[in-house]
Amino acid sequence: MSIIWTIIIGFVAGIIAKFLMPGPNEPQGFVLTAILGIVGAFVATWLGQALGWYGPDQGAGLIGAVVGAVIVLAVWGMISKNRKA
């Protein structure tokens, strides 16, 4: 899977993850949400390859990327909550 395809999947996954996990500590901007989704797609790809779910040339699909984006958004929410306190 190419990096461009991972970015496209991550962009869509970030938008879906934002709808699945709304909240006041989540990123408010569209661009930041998309970037966190892309990071989530890369995290899902890396984690899937590390666990042997994906081969070296495979990347996370949409479901895996959404799960990765939700994880990144949850971590972002915990970090931003701690910074506001």
N, C-alpha and C. Protein backbone atom coordinates (compact mmCIF):
# COMPACT_ATOMS: atom_id res chain seq x y z
N MET A 1 0.85 -1.17 0.00
CA MET A 1 0.00 0.00 0.00
C MET A 1 0.89 1.23 0.00
N SER A 2 0.59 2.16 -0.83
CA SER A 2 1.41 3.35 -0.92
C SER A 2 1.08 4.34 0.19
N ILE A 3 1.99 5.24 0.40
CA ILE A 3 1.81 6.26 1.43
C ILE A 3 0.63 7.17 1.07
N ILE A 4 0.46 7.47 -0.21
CA ILE A 4 -0.66 8.32 -0.63
C ILE A 4 -1.99 7.67 -0.27
N TRP A 5 -2.11 6.37 -0.50
CA TRP A 5 -3.35 5.67 -0.18
C TRP A 5 -3.59 5.68 1.33
N THR A 6 -2.54 5.51 2.13
CA THR A 6 -2.68 5.57 3.58
C THR A 6 -3.14 6.95 4.03
N ILE A 7 -2.64 7.99 3.39
CA ILE A 7 -3.07 9.36 3.72
C ILE A 7 -4.54 9.56 3.39
N ILE A 8 -4.98 9.07 2.23
CA ILE A 8 -6.39 9.21 1.84
C ILE A 8 -7.29 8.45 2.81
N ILE A 9 -6.92 7.21 3.12
CA ILE A 9 -7.70 6.42 4.08
C ILE A 9 -7.70 7.10 5.45
N GLY A 10 -6.55 7.62 5.86
CA GLY A 10 -6.46 8.30 7.15
C GLY A 10 -7.31 9.55 7.22
N PHE A 11 -7.39 10.27 6.12
CA PHE A 11 -8.23 11.47 6.06
C PHE A 11 -9.69 11.11 6.30
N VAL A 12 -10.15 10.09 5.60
CA VAL A 12 -11.54 9.65 5.78
C VAL A 12 -11.74 9.07 7.18
N ALA A 13 -10.76 8.31 7.66
CA ALA A 13 -10.85 7.72 9.00
C ALA A 13 -10.90 8.79 10.09
N GLY A 14 -10.17 9.87 9.91
CA GLY A 14 -10.20 10.97 10.89
C GLY A 14 -11.58 11.61 10.98
N ILE A 15 -12.22 11.78 9.85
CA ILE A 15 -13.57 12.35 9.84
C ILE A 15 -14.56 11.40 10.51
N ILE A 16 -14.45 10.11 10.19
CA ILE A 16 -15.35 9.12 10.80
C ILE A 16 -15.09 9.04 12.31
N ALA A 17 -13.83 9.04 12.71
CA ALA A 17 -13.49 8.96 14.13
C ALA A 17 -14.01 10.17 14.90
N LYS A 18 -13.99 11.33 14.27
CA LYS A 18 -14.51 12.53 14.93
C LYS A 18 -16.01 12.39 15.19
N PHE A 19 -16.74 11.79 14.25
CA PHE A 19 -18.17 11.56 14.47
C PHE A 19 -18.42 10.49 15.51
N LEU A 20 -17.54 9.49 15.59
CA LEU A 20 -17.71 8.43 16.59
C LEU A 20 -17.34 8.88 17.99
N MET A 21 -16.44 9.85 18.10
CA MET A 21 -15.90 10.24 19.39
C MET A 21 -15.90 11.76 19.54
N PRO A 22 -17.06 12.39 19.54
CA PRO A 22 -17.08 13.85 19.71
C PRO A 22 -16.86 14.21 21.18
N GLY A 23 -16.41 15.40 21.40
CA GLY A 23 -16.21 15.84 22.78
C GLY A 23 -15.51 17.19 22.83
N PRO A 24 -15.54 17.82 23.97
CA PRO A 24 -14.95 19.16 24.08
C PRO A 24 -13.42 19.15 24.02
N ASN A 25 -12.78 18.03 24.35
CA ASN A 25 -11.32 17.98 24.33
C ASN A 25 -10.75 17.52 23.00
N GLU A 26 -11.61 17.26 22.05
CA GLU A 26 -11.14 16.80 20.75
C GLU A 26 -10.77 18.01 19.90
N PRO A 27 -9.94 17.80 18.91
CA PRO A 27 -9.54 18.93 18.05
C PRO A 27 -10.75 19.52 17.34
N GLN A 28 -10.83 20.83 17.32
CA GLN A 28 -12.00 21.48 16.75
C GLN A 28 -11.86 21.74 15.26
N GLY A 29 -10.65 21.88 14.79
CA GLY A 29 -10.45 22.20 13.38
C GLY A 29 -10.52 20.98 12.49
N PHE A 30 -11.00 21.21 11.29
CA PHE A 30 -11.11 20.15 10.29
C PHE A 30 -9.73 19.63 9.91
N VAL A 31 -8.78 20.54 9.75
CA VAL A 31 -7.43 20.16 9.34
C VAL A 31 -6.76 19.31 10.41
N LEU A 32 -6.87 19.72 11.68
CA LEU A 32 -6.25 18.96 12.76
C LEU A 32 -6.90 17.59 12.92
N THR A 33 -8.19 17.51 12.76
CA THR A 33 -8.88 16.22 12.81
C THR A 33 -8.41 15.31 11.68
N ALA A 34 -8.25 15.86 10.49
CA ALA A 34 -7.77 15.07 9.36
C ALA A 34 -6.33 14.61 9.59
N ILE A 35 -5.49 15.47 10.14
CA ILE A 35 -4.10 15.10 10.43
C ILE A 35 -4.05 13.99 11.47
N LEU A 36 -4.85 14.09 12.51
CA LEU A 36 -4.88 13.03 13.51
C LEU A 36 -5.40 11.72 12.92
N GLY A 37 -6.32 11.81 11.99
CA GLY A 37 -6.80 10.61 11.29
C GLY A 37 -5.70 9.96 10.45
N ILE A 38 -4.92 10.79 9.79
CA ILE A 38 -3.80 10.28 9.00
C ILE A 38 -2.77 9.63 9.92
N VAL A 39 -2.48 10.26 11.05
CA VAL A 39 -1.57 9.67 12.03
C VAL A 39 -2.14 8.34 12.53
N GLY A 40 -3.44 8.30 12.76
CA GLY A 40 -4.09 7.07 13.19
C GLY A 40 -3.97 5.95 12.16
N ALA A 41 -4.06 6.30 10.89
CA ALA A 41 -3.90 5.30 9.83
C ALA A 41 -2.48 4.75 9.82
N PHE A 42 -1.50 5.63 10.01
CA PHE A 42 -0.12 5.16 10.07
C PHE A 42 0.12 4.31 11.32
N VAL A 43 -0.49 4.70 12.44
CA VAL A 43 -0.36 3.90 13.67
C VAL A 43 -0.99 2.52 13.46
N ALA A 44 -2.17 2.47 12.85
CA ALA A 44 -2.83 1.19 12.60
C ALA A 44 -2.01 0.33 11.65
N THR A 45 -1.41 0.93 10.65
CA THR A 45 -0.58 0.18 9.71
C THR A 45 0.65 -0.37 10.42
N TRP A 46 1.30 0.47 11.20
CA TRP A 46 2.50 0.04 11.93
C TRP A 46 2.17 -1.06 12.93
N LEU A 47 1.10 -0.86 13.70
CA LEU A 47 0.70 -1.84 14.70
C LEU A 47 0.29 -3.16 14.04
N GLY A 48 -0.46 -3.09 12.96
CA GLY A 48 -0.88 -4.29 12.24
C GLY A 48 0.30 -5.06 11.67
N GLN A 49 1.30 -4.35 11.16
CA GLN A 49 2.49 -5.02 10.65
C GLN A 49 3.32 -5.60 11.79
N ALA A 50 3.38 -4.90 12.92
CA ALA A 50 4.14 -5.40 14.06
C ALA A 50 3.50 -6.66 14.65
N LEU A 51 2.18 -6.74 14.62
CA LEU A 51 1.49 -7.91 15.16
C LEU A 51 1.33 -9.03 14.14
N GLY A 52 1.73 -8.78 12.91
CA GLY A 52 1.65 -9.81 11.88
C GLY A 52 0.30 -9.88 11.17
N TRP A 53 -0.56 -8.90 11.40
CA TRP A 53 -1.86 -8.89 10.73
C TRP A 53 -1.72 -8.49 9.26
N TYR A 54 -0.76 -7.62 8.98
CA TYR A 54 -0.52 -7.14 7.62
C TYR A 54 0.90 -7.51 7.22
N GLY A 55 1.08 -7.73 5.93
CA GLY A 55 2.41 -7.99 5.41
C GLY A 55 3.20 -6.69 5.28
N PRO A 56 4.46 -6.78 4.87
CA PRO A 56 5.29 -5.58 4.76
C PRO A 56 4.77 -4.56 3.74
N ASP A 57 4.09 -5.02 2.71
CA ASP A 57 3.59 -4.10 1.69
C ASP A 57 2.12 -3.76 1.87
N GLN A 58 1.51 -4.22 2.95
CA GLN A 58 0.10 -3.96 3.19
C GLN A 58 -0.07 -2.86 4.23
N GLY A 59 -1.17 -2.17 4.13
CA GLY A 59 -1.50 -1.15 5.10
C GLY A 59 -2.86 -1.43 5.71
N ALA A 60 -3.19 -0.64 6.70
CA ALA A 60 -4.48 -0.80 7.36
C ALA A 60 -5.60 -0.39 6.40
N GLY A 61 -6.69 -1.11 6.47
CA GLY A 61 -7.87 -0.73 5.70
C GLY A 61 -8.64 0.36 6.43
N LEU A 62 -9.81 0.63 5.96
CA LEU A 62 -10.60 1.71 6.54
C LEU A 62 -10.97 1.43 7.99
N ILE A 63 -11.35 0.22 8.30
CA ILE A 63 -11.75 -0.11 9.68
C ILE A 63 -10.55 0.01 10.62
N GLY A 64 -9.42 -0.54 10.21
CA GLY A 64 -8.21 -0.44 11.02
C GLY A 64 -7.77 1.00 11.20
N ALA A 65 -7.88 1.79 10.14
CA ALA A 65 -7.51 3.20 10.23
C ALA A 65 -8.44 3.97 11.15
N VAL A 66 -9.73 3.64 11.12
CA VAL A 66 -10.68 4.30 12.04
C VAL A 66 -10.34 3.95 13.48
N VAL A 67 -10.02 2.69 13.74
CA VAL A 67 -9.64 2.28 15.09
C VAL A 67 -8.37 3.02 15.51
N GLY A 68 -7.39 3.11 14.63
CA GLY A 68 -6.17 3.85 14.93
C GLY A 68 -6.45 5.32 15.18
N ALA A 69 -7.34 5.92 14.39
CA ALA A 69 -7.68 7.33 14.57
C ALA A 69 -8.41 7.56 15.89
N VAL A 70 -9.29 6.64 16.27
CA VAL A 70 -9.98 6.76 17.56
C VAL A 70 -8.97 6.68 18.70
N ILE A 71 -7.99 5.80 18.58
CA ILE A 71 -6.94 5.71 19.61
C ILE A 71 -6.16 7.01 19.69
N VAL A 72 -5.77 7.56 18.54
CA VAL A 72 -5.02 8.82 18.54
C VAL A 72 -5.88 9.95 19.10
N LEU A 73 -7.15 10.00 18.75
CA LEU A 73 -8.04 11.04 19.30
C LEU A 73 -8.22 10.88 20.81
N ALA A 74 -8.27 9.65 21.31
CA ALA A 74 -8.39 9.44 22.76
C ALA A 74 -7.13 9.92 23.47
N VAL A 75 -5.97 9.62 22.90
CA VAL A 75 -4.72 10.09 23.49
C VAL A 75 -4.67 11.61 23.44
N TRP A 76 -5.10 12.19 22.32
CA TRP A 76 -5.13 13.65 22.19
C TRP A 76 -6.05 14.25 23.26
N GLY A 77 -7.19 13.63 23.50
CA GLY A 77 -8.12 14.13 24.52
C GLY A 77 -7.52 14.07 25.91
N MET A 78 -6.79 13.01 26.22
CA MET A 78 -6.14 12.92 27.54
C MET A 78 -5.04 13.96 27.70
N ILE A 79 -4.27 14.18 26.65
CA ILE A 79 -3.19 15.17 26.72
C ILE A 79 -3.75 16.57 26.85
N SER A 80 -4.77 16.89 26.06
CA SER A 80 -5.33 18.24 26.11
C SER A 80 -6.07 18.48 27.42
N LYS A 81 -6.66 17.44 28.01
CA LYS A 81 -7.33 17.61 29.30
C LYS A 81 -6.31 17.92 30.40
N ASN A 82 -5.17 17.26 30.35
CA ASN A 82 -4.12 17.49 31.34
C ASN A 82 -3.49 18.87 31.18
N ARG A 83 -3.42 19.38 29.98
CA ARG A 83 -2.81 20.70 29.75
C ARG A 83 -3.73 21.83 30.21
N LYS A 84 -5.04 21.61 30.18
CA LYS A 84 -5.98 22.65 30.61
C LYS A 84 -6.08 22.76 32.12
N ALA A 85 -5.73 21.70 32.83
CA ALA A 85 -5.87 21.70 34.29
C ALA A 85 -4.76 22.44 34.97
